Amino acid sequence: MKAIVTTLRVIASTVLALLFFAVLCLNLGLGFSRDQLLDADFYKHNLAENDAYERISGEVIPELAASPDYYGDLQISTQDAVTLLRRIFGEDFVQGQTEYVIENIVDWLKSEDEDLNLVIDLKPIKQRARSEVLAFVESYIDLLPALEPGQKPGLEVAGWGRLPIGIPSDMTREQVKDEFLAQAAPFIDRNLDKAPDELDLVAEAAERDNKTRDEFLDQFDGARRVIRWATGQLYMLSFLGMVVFIALLGAVHLPRARSSLRWGGITVLVAGLVLLTATIVVHSVVPDRIDSTAFISSQDIPAGIVDLAVDVEQTLVSDSAKAFILPTAIVTGSGLVLFVASFFVFRRRPAEPEPVPDPGEEGEDQA
């Protein structure tokens, strides 16, 4: 009978230990999602760590050289256009708008905002563009050579966006600037006005998906409800489940307190060690195995952006693994404490049997 009870205890303990491990994994995953994946700072820190804003400016802005509206449709070299656009679309703008998009997406996924507003205001860019273009033209004229007598500077082409070729002998450099800018400014303003005042990223995505804006957002409602439930109620239920399974594991071995603590400690210790080891392996091995082959190659994506995406994904995996190290170490330490404590629990001494009276002594007492 004792062997049967022991076997049943071992089977029950093994089942409860496996259930504890499963719920522990669920709890840690949900906690990571709530505290890291649904935290805008997690992504902003990652992008800053990889110099993403500088690299985005360096790779994306050259692509805008084919859209001359933002530099007044001046007929300038591609190199000059890229230099000018980098001054117009500065790193501060790229960083501000990227962080704005991240914050709004995260708040929307957490259902803190019911509408996803990803409208990038380009009016400040257009205002900056006018002053930067005019400053570029002045700097360009400052470097123009003096013309031979009889040569024309070409100021009459200012209304077409073409730049002068030199400074005539009968004019000062400042006179050339004033006359050229007086003719070129209206042309520059007209072309800057053609550039859009804002960019609605949600509307753009919906249009590519052949959906209205509302239809595009509605398809994510189910996922948002799951995220809200998983990081709220399910997270708390998983924490409660860990407590319940460990309590049941201890109850299986009652009234032997030492055995209860030892089984609980071993269960928590082994579960923590397994997850801690897996976390360290992922942190050490996986990031270095991520390369550009993980991304779909396309001629439309600059190589620098692909490299940035690889670096960002490597850092995300590394930071994610780091985020698991502390909680898994705490679980491992808790299990070790319980296991060690089990050796300091005194065994309950068995009750001493009552002495059996001697029949001879009992007869003498009766006499």
Protein backbone atom coordinates (compact mmCIF):
# COMPACT_ATOMS: atom_id res chain seq x y z
CA MET A 1 0.00 0.00 0.00
CA LYS A 2 2.83 2.38 0.86
CA ALA A 3 4.48 1.71 -2.52
CA ILE A 4 1.23 2.54 -4.34
CA VAL A 5 0.88 5.84 -2.43
CA THR A 6 4.50 6.73 -3.24
CA THR A 7 3.99 5.95 -6.93
CA LEU A 8 0.83 8.08 -7.07
CA ARG A 9 2.66 10.94 -5.37
CA VAL A 10 5.49 10.78 -7.91
CA ILE A 11 3.05 10.71 -10.85
CA ALA A 12 1.01 13.62 -9.44
CA SER A 13 4.18 15.59 -8.68
CA THR A 14 5.52 15.09 -12.23
CA VAL A 15 2.25 16.21 -13.82
CA LEU A 16 2.03 19.27 -11.57
CA ALA A 17 5.69 20.12 -12.25
CA LEU A 18 5.09 20.00 -16.01
CA LEU A 19 1.99 22.16 -15.65
CA PHE A 20 3.97 24.64 -13.54
CA PHE A 21 6.68 24.83 -16.21
CA ALA A 22 4.12 25.47 -18.97
CA VAL A 23 2.37 28.21 -16.98
CA LEU A 24 5.73 29.73 -16.03
CA CYS A 25 6.70 29.98 -19.72
CA LEU A 26 3.34 31.57 -20.50
CA ASN A 27 3.69 34.06 -17.65
CA LEU A 28 7.21 35.11 -18.62
CA GLY A 29 6.22 35.47 -22.29
CA LEU A 30 3.17 37.59 -21.46
CA GLY A 31 5.18 39.68 -19.01
CA PHE A 32 7.82 40.31 -21.68
CA SER A 33 5.15 41.27 -24.20
CA ARG A 34 3.52 43.66 -21.75
CA ASP A 35 6.69 45.29 -20.40
CA GLN A 36 8.91 45.23 -23.51
CA LEU A 37 7.15 44.53 -26.80
CA LEU A 38 4.30 46.91 -25.90
CA ASP A 39 6.63 49.64 -24.68
CA ALA A 40 7.61 52.30 -27.22
CA ASP A 41 10.89 52.95 -25.39
CA PHE A 42 12.01 49.39 -26.19
CA TYR A 43 12.02 50.21 -29.90
CA LYS A 44 13.25 53.80 -29.58
CA HIS A 45 16.25 52.65 -27.56
CA ASN A 46 17.00 49.97 -30.15
CA LEU A 47 16.87 52.41 -33.06
CA ALA A 48 19.07 54.93 -31.26
CA GLU A 49 21.56 52.18 -30.41
CA ASN A 50 21.93 51.38 -34.12
CA ASP A 51 22.22 55.03 -35.26
CA ALA A 52 19.05 54.37 -37.22
CA TYR A 53 18.02 57.97 -37.79
CA GLU A 54 21.35 58.94 -39.29
CA ARG A 55 21.38 55.82 -41.44
CA ILE A 56 17.78 56.33 -42.59
CA SER A 57 18.66 59.87 -43.62
CA GLY A 58 21.70 58.60 -45.47
CA GLU A 59 19.80 55.89 -47.38
CA VAL A 60 16.27 57.20 -47.87
CA ILE A 61 16.92 60.87 -48.62
CA PRO A 62 18.86 60.12 -51.84
CA GLU A 63 15.69 58.41 -53.07
CA LEU A 64 13.85 61.73 -52.65
CA ALA A 65 16.17 63.39 -55.14
CA ALA A 66 13.79 62.13 -57.82
CA SER A 67 11.01 64.25 -56.21
CA PRO A 68 12.23 67.81 -56.86
CA ASP A 69 9.15 69.52 -55.40
CA TYR A 70 10.85 69.66 -52.00
CA TYR A 71 13.79 71.65 -53.36
CA GLY A 72 11.79 73.95 -55.62
CA ASP A 73 12.42 71.92 -58.81
CA LEU A 74 15.82 73.52 -59.22
CA GLN A 75 17.92 72.03 -62.00
CA ILE A 76 20.87 70.96 -59.91
CA SER A 77 23.08 67.89 -59.73
CA THR A 78 21.95 64.80 -57.84
CA GLN A 79 24.75 65.32 -55.33
CA ASP A 80 23.61 68.90 -54.64
CA ALA A 81 19.99 67.73 -54.40
CA VAL A 82 20.89 65.08 -51.79
CA THR A 83 22.93 67.60 -49.79
CA LEU A 84 20.03 70.05 -49.86
CA LEU A 85 17.44 67.42 -48.93
CA ARG A 86 19.53 66.28 -45.97
CA ARG A 87 19.41 69.82 -44.66
CA ILE A 88 15.65 70.00 -45.25
CA PHE A 89 14.79 66.56 -43.85
CA GLY A 90 17.17 66.69 -40.90
CA GLU A 91 17.82 63.84 -38.46
CA ASP A 92 15.68 65.66 -35.89
CA PHE A 93 12.66 65.41 -38.20
CA VAL A 94 13.33 61.75 -39.03
CA GLN A 95 13.73 60.85 -35.35
CA GLY A 96 10.70 62.85 -34.22
CA GLN A 97 8.37 61.36 -36.82
CA THR A 98 9.68 57.81 -36.32
CA GLU A 99 9.14 57.99 -32.56
CA TYR A 100 5.72 59.55 -33.12
CA VAL A 101 4.72 56.61 -35.35
CA ILE A 102 6.07 54.03 -32.85
CA GLU A 103 4.26 55.61 -29.89
CA ASN A 104 0.94 55.80 -31.72
CA ILE A 105 1.13 52.21 -32.99
CA VAL A 106 1.99 50.85 -29.52
CA ASP A 107 -0.81 52.84 -27.82
CA TRP A 108 -3.26 51.65 -30.47
CA LEU A 109 -2.23 48.01 -30.09
CA LYS A 110 -2.72 48.29 -26.31
CA SER A 111 -6.17 49.81 -26.99
CA GLU A 112 -5.18 52.99 -25.16
CA ASP A 113 -6.14 54.83 -28.37
CA GLU A 114 -9.13 53.69 -30.38
CA ASP A 115 -8.02 55.31 -33.64
CA LEU A 116 -4.63 54.92 -35.27
CA ASN A 117 -3.48 58.39 -36.24
CA LEU A 118 -0.29 58.29 -38.30
CA VAL A 119 -0.48 61.58 -40.12
CA ILE A 120 2.95 63.15 -40.67
CA ASP A 121 2.77 66.92 -40.88
CA LEU A 122 4.98 68.11 -43.76
CA LYS A 123 4.15 71.83 -43.54
CA PRO A 124 7.18 72.55 -41.29
CA ILE A 125 9.33 70.76 -43.86
CA LYS A 126 7.99 72.94 -46.66
CA GLN A 127 8.67 76.07 -44.63
CA ARG A 128 12.19 74.89 -43.87
CA ALA A 129 12.64 73.93 -47.53
CA ARG A 130 12.06 77.51 -48.75
CA SER A 131 14.70 79.01 -46.47
CA GLU A 132 17.15 76.17 -47.16
CA VAL A 133 16.70 76.42 -50.95
CA LEU A 134 17.24 80.18 -50.92
CA ALA A 135 20.29 79.74 -48.68
CA PHE A 136 21.60 77.08 -51.09
CA VAL A 137 21.18 79.43 -54.05
CA GLU A 138 23.05 82.23 -52.25
CA SER A 139 25.88 79.86 -51.33
CA TYR A 140 25.98 78.65 -54.94
CA ILE A 141 26.29 82.21 -56.25
CA ASP A 142 29.04 82.93 -53.72
CA LEU A 143 31.16 80.28 -55.45
CA LEU A 144 30.49 81.37 -59.05
CA PRO A 145 33.50 82.49 -61.11
CA ALA A 146 33.81 85.91 -62.70
CA LEU A 147 32.80 85.99 -66.36
CA GLU A 148 34.78 87.41 -69.23
CA PRO A 149 33.55 90.72 -70.62
CA GLY A 150 30.61 90.12 -72.93
CA GLN A 151 29.57 86.83 -71.33
CA LYS A 152 26.02 86.73 -70.00
CA PRO A 153 25.36 85.22 -66.53
CA GLY A 154 22.13 83.56 -67.63
CA LEU A 155 19.91 85.32 -65.12
CA GLU A 156 16.96 85.18 -67.52
CA VAL A 157 16.59 81.42 -66.91
CA ALA A 158 15.87 81.92 -63.21
CA GLY A 159 12.14 81.51 -63.85
CA TRP A 160 12.83 77.98 -65.16
CA GLY A 161 14.80 76.79 -62.18
CA ARG A 162 18.21 77.00 -63.82
CA LEU A 163 21.11 78.57 -61.96
CA PRO A 164 23.43 81.34 -63.26
CA ILE A 165 26.82 80.39 -64.63
CA GLY A 166 28.94 83.29 -63.33
CA ILE A 167 29.29 86.89 -62.20
CA PRO A 168 29.44 89.48 -65.03
CA SER A 169 32.00 92.24 -64.87
CA ASP A 170 29.35 94.97 -64.72
CA MET A 171 27.56 93.52 -61.65
CA THR A 172 28.52 92.77 -58.10
CA ARG A 173 27.91 89.36 -56.56
CA GLU A 174 25.20 90.80 -54.33
CA GLN A 175 23.45 92.34 -57.34
CA VAL A 176 23.41 88.95 -59.03
CA LYS A 177 21.90 87.39 -55.91
CA ASP A 178 19.19 90.01 -55.63
CA GLU A 179 18.21 89.90 -59.30
CA PHE A 180 18.31 86.13 -59.59
CA LEU A 181 16.36 85.47 -56.37
CA ALA A 182 13.74 88.05 -57.33
CA GLN A 183 13.02 85.99 -60.47
CA ALA A 184 13.60 82.51 -59.00
CA ALA A 185 11.65 82.86 -55.74
CA PRO A 186 8.16 82.70 -57.38
CA PHE A 187 9.22 79.59 -59.35
CA ILE A 188 10.57 77.94 -56.18
CA ASP A 189 7.40 78.79 -54.21
CA ARG A 190 5.12 77.36 -56.91
CA ASN A 191 6.94 74.05 -56.90
CA LEU A 192 7.12 73.83 -53.12
CA ASP A 193 3.34 74.32 -53.04
CA LYS A 194 2.98 71.17 -55.17
CA ALA A 195 4.47 69.05 -52.39
CA PRO A 196 1.84 67.50 -50.07
CA ASP A 197 1.19 69.16 -46.70
CA GLU A 198 0.84 65.84 -44.90
CA LEU A 199 1.29 62.12 -45.31
CA ASP A 200 -1.33 59.73 -43.90
CA LEU A 201 0.48 56.40 -43.51
CA VAL A 202 -2.71 54.50 -42.66
CA ALA A 203 -4.51 55.85 -45.72
CA GLU A 204 -1.53 54.94 -47.89
CA ALA A 205 -1.48 51.38 -46.53
CA ALA A 206 -5.26 51.03 -46.95
CA GLU A 207 -5.04 52.22 -50.54
CA ARG A 208 -2.37 49.65 -51.37
CA ASP A 209 -4.61 47.00 -49.80
CA ASN A 210 -7.62 48.19 -51.82
CA LYS A 211 -9.57 49.00 -48.65
CA THR A 212 -11.02 52.06 -47.04
CA ARG A 213 -9.25 53.44 -43.99
CA ASP A 214 -11.89 52.03 -41.61
CA GLU A 215 -11.90 48.64 -43.32
CA PHE A 216 -8.11 48.47 -43.08
CA LEU A 217 -8.12 49.20 -39.34
CA ASP A 218 -11.10 46.97 -38.55
CA GLN A 219 -9.19 43.88 -39.65
CA PHE A 220 -6.89 44.31 -36.64
CA ASP A 221 -9.67 44.57 -34.01
CA GLY A 222 -9.50 40.86 -33.16
CA ALA A 223 -5.75 40.96 -32.64
CA ARG A 224 -6.05 44.04 -30.41
CA ARG A 225 -8.67 42.33 -28.25
CA VAL A 226 -6.42 39.29 -27.86
CA ILE A 227 -3.47 41.51 -26.90
CA ARG A 228 -5.56 43.36 -24.31
CA TRP A 229 -6.88 40.11 -22.81
CA ALA A 230 -3.55 38.26 -22.91
CA THR A 231 -1.51 41.03 -21.27
CA GLY A 232 -4.23 41.70 -18.70
CA GLN A 233 -6.44 38.84 -17.52
CA LEU A 234 -4.41 35.95 -18.93
CA TYR A 235 -1.20 37.31 -17.42
CA MET A 236 -2.78 37.45 -13.95
CA LEU A 237 -4.33 34.00 -14.41
CA SER A 238 -0.96 32.53 -15.38
CA PHE A 239 0.62 34.01 -12.24
CA LEU A 240 -2.20 32.58 -10.13
CA GLY A 241 -1.76 29.23 -11.91
CA MET A 242 1.91 29.04 -10.90
CA VAL A 243 0.99 29.62 -7.25
CA VAL A 244 -1.80 27.03 -7.38
CA PHE A 245 0.33 24.31 -9.01
CA ILE A 246 3.19 24.80 -6.54
CA ALA A 247 0.71 24.75 -3.65
CA LEU A 248 -0.85 21.52 -4.95
CA LEU A 249 2.61 20.04 -5.43
CA GLY A 250 3.38 20.76 -1.80
CA ALA A 251 0.01 19.42 -0.66
CA VAL A 252 0.63 16.09 -2.41
CA HIS A 253 3.52 15.40 -0.04
CA LEU A 254 1.87 16.52 3.18
CA PRO A 255 2.18 15.95 6.07
CA ARG A 256 5.91 15.63 5.26
CA ALA A 257 6.94 19.30 5.15
CA ARG A 258 10.51 18.47 4.15
CA SER A 259 9.35 16.51 1.12
CA SER A 260 6.87 19.26 0.17
CA LEU A 261 9.56 21.93 0.19
CA ARG A 262 12.05 19.72 -1.63
CA TRP A 263 9.70 18.82 -4.48
CA GLY A 264 8.59 22.43 -4.83
CA GLY A 265 12.17 23.68 -4.74
CA ILE A 266 13.39 21.14 -7.32
CA THR A 267 10.48 21.96 -9.63
CA VAL A 268 11.06 25.71 -9.51
CA LEU A 269 14.86 25.32 -9.66
CA VAL A 270 14.84 23.01 -12.70
CA ALA A 271 12.26 25.13 -14.52
CA GLY A 272 14.28 28.28 -13.88
CA LEU A 273 17.58 26.66 -14.91
CA VAL A 274 16.12 25.36 -18.17
CA LEU A 275 14.76 28.78 -19.12
CA LEU A 276 17.87 30.64 -17.93
CA THR A 277 20.11 28.35 -19.97
CA ALA A 278 17.91 28.72 -23.05
CA THR A 279 17.95 32.51 -22.62
CA ILE A 280 21.74 32.64 -22.39
CA VAL A 281 22.09 30.41 -25.47
CA VAL A 282 19.70 32.59 -27.48
CA HIS A 283 21.51 35.74 -26.39
CA SER A 284 24.91 34.29 -27.30
CA VAL A 285 24.12 32.47 -30.54
CA VAL A 286 21.00 33.69 -32.34
CA PRO A 287 21.81 37.39 -33.05
CA ASP A 288 24.98 36.50 -34.96
CA ARG A 289 23.04 34.08 -37.16
CA ILE A 290 20.69 36.79 -38.44
CA ASP A 291 21.77 38.18 -41.81
CA SER A 292 20.29 39.76 -44.90
CA THR A 293 19.07 36.41 -46.24
CA ALA A 294 16.27 36.63 -43.67
CA PHE A 295 14.83 39.55 -45.66
CA ILE A 296 13.19 39.44 -49.04
CA SER A 297 15.63 40.95 -51.49
CA SER A 298 14.20 43.68 -53.65
CA GLN A 299 15.72 46.20 -56.00
CA ASP A 300 13.37 48.80 -54.52
CA ILE A 301 15.01 48.53 -51.07
CA PRO A 302 18.40 50.25 -50.71
CA ALA A 303 21.16 47.96 -49.45
CA GLY A 304 21.78 50.30 -46.53
CA ILE A 305 18.19 49.90 -45.33
CA VAL A 306 18.53 46.10 -45.49
CA ASP A 307 21.74 46.33 -43.42
CA LEU A 308 19.95 48.55 -40.92
CA ALA A 309 17.05 46.09 -40.69
CA VAL A 310 19.51 43.26 -39.97
CA ASP A 311 21.26 45.27 -37.26
CA VAL A 312 17.95 46.28 -35.69
CA GLU A 313 16.69 42.68 -35.65
CA GLN A 314 19.95 41.46 -34.13
CA THR A 315 19.69 44.04 -31.37
CA LEU A 316 16.01 43.28 -30.79
CA VAL A 317 16.76 39.58 -30.32
CA SER A 318 19.70 40.36 -28.05
CA ASP A 319 17.72 42.85 -25.95
CA SER A 320 14.76 40.46 -25.77
CA ALA A 321 16.99 37.68 -24.47
CA LYS A 322 18.49 40.06 -21.91
CA ALA A 323 15.00 40.93 -20.71
CA PHE A 324 14.43 37.25 -19.81
CA ILE A 325 17.68 36.82 -17.88
CA LEU A 326 16.59 38.63 -14.71
CA PRO A 327 13.16 36.98 -14.26
CA THR A 328 14.51 33.50 -15.03
CA ALA A 329 17.39 34.09 -12.61
CA ILE A 330 14.87 35.10 -9.93
CA VAL A 331 12.87 31.91 -10.54
CA THR A 332 16.06 29.84 -10.34
CA GLY A 333 17.11 31.55 -7.13
CA SER A 334 13.66 31.05 -5.58
CA GLY A 335 13.81 27.34 -6.36
CA LEU A 336 17.29 27.09 -4.86
CA VAL A 337 16.11 28.78 -1.65
CA LEU A 338 13.19 26.36 -1.31
CA PHE A 339 15.43 23.38 -1.99
CA VAL A 340 18.04 24.44 0.58
CA ALA A 341 15.32 25.30 3.11
CA SER A 342 14.02 21.75 2.90
CA PHE A 343 17.18 20.50 4.64
CA PHE A 344 16.49 22.68 7.65
CA VAL A 345 12.97 21.43 8.25
CA PHE A 346 12.97 18.93 11.12
CA ARG A 347 11.28 15.64 10.57
CA ARG A 348 8.30 14.99 12.77
CA ARG A 349 9.18 12.40 15.34
CA PRO A 350 6.83 9.41 15.45
CA ALA A 351 4.64 9.23 18.56
CA GLU A 352 6.14 6.98 21.21
CA PRO A 353 3.92 3.93 22.03
CA GLU A 354 2.40 3.84 25.47
CA PRO A 355 4.15 1.35 27.81
CA VAL A 356 2.39 -1.99 28.22
CA PRO A 357 1.79 -2.75 31.92
CA ASP A 358 3.50 -5.84 33.31
CA PRO A 359 0.87 -8.46 34.35
CA GLY A 360 2.93 -9.38 37.38
CA GLU A 361 3.06 -5.84 38.61
CA GLU A 362 -0.68 -5.44 37.97
CA GLY A 363 -1.40 -8.53 40.17
CA GLU A 364 0.78 -7.20 42.97
CA ASP A 365 -1.11 -3.93 42.89
CA GLN A 366 -4.41 -5.74 43.22
CA ALA A 367 -3.07 -7.70 46.17
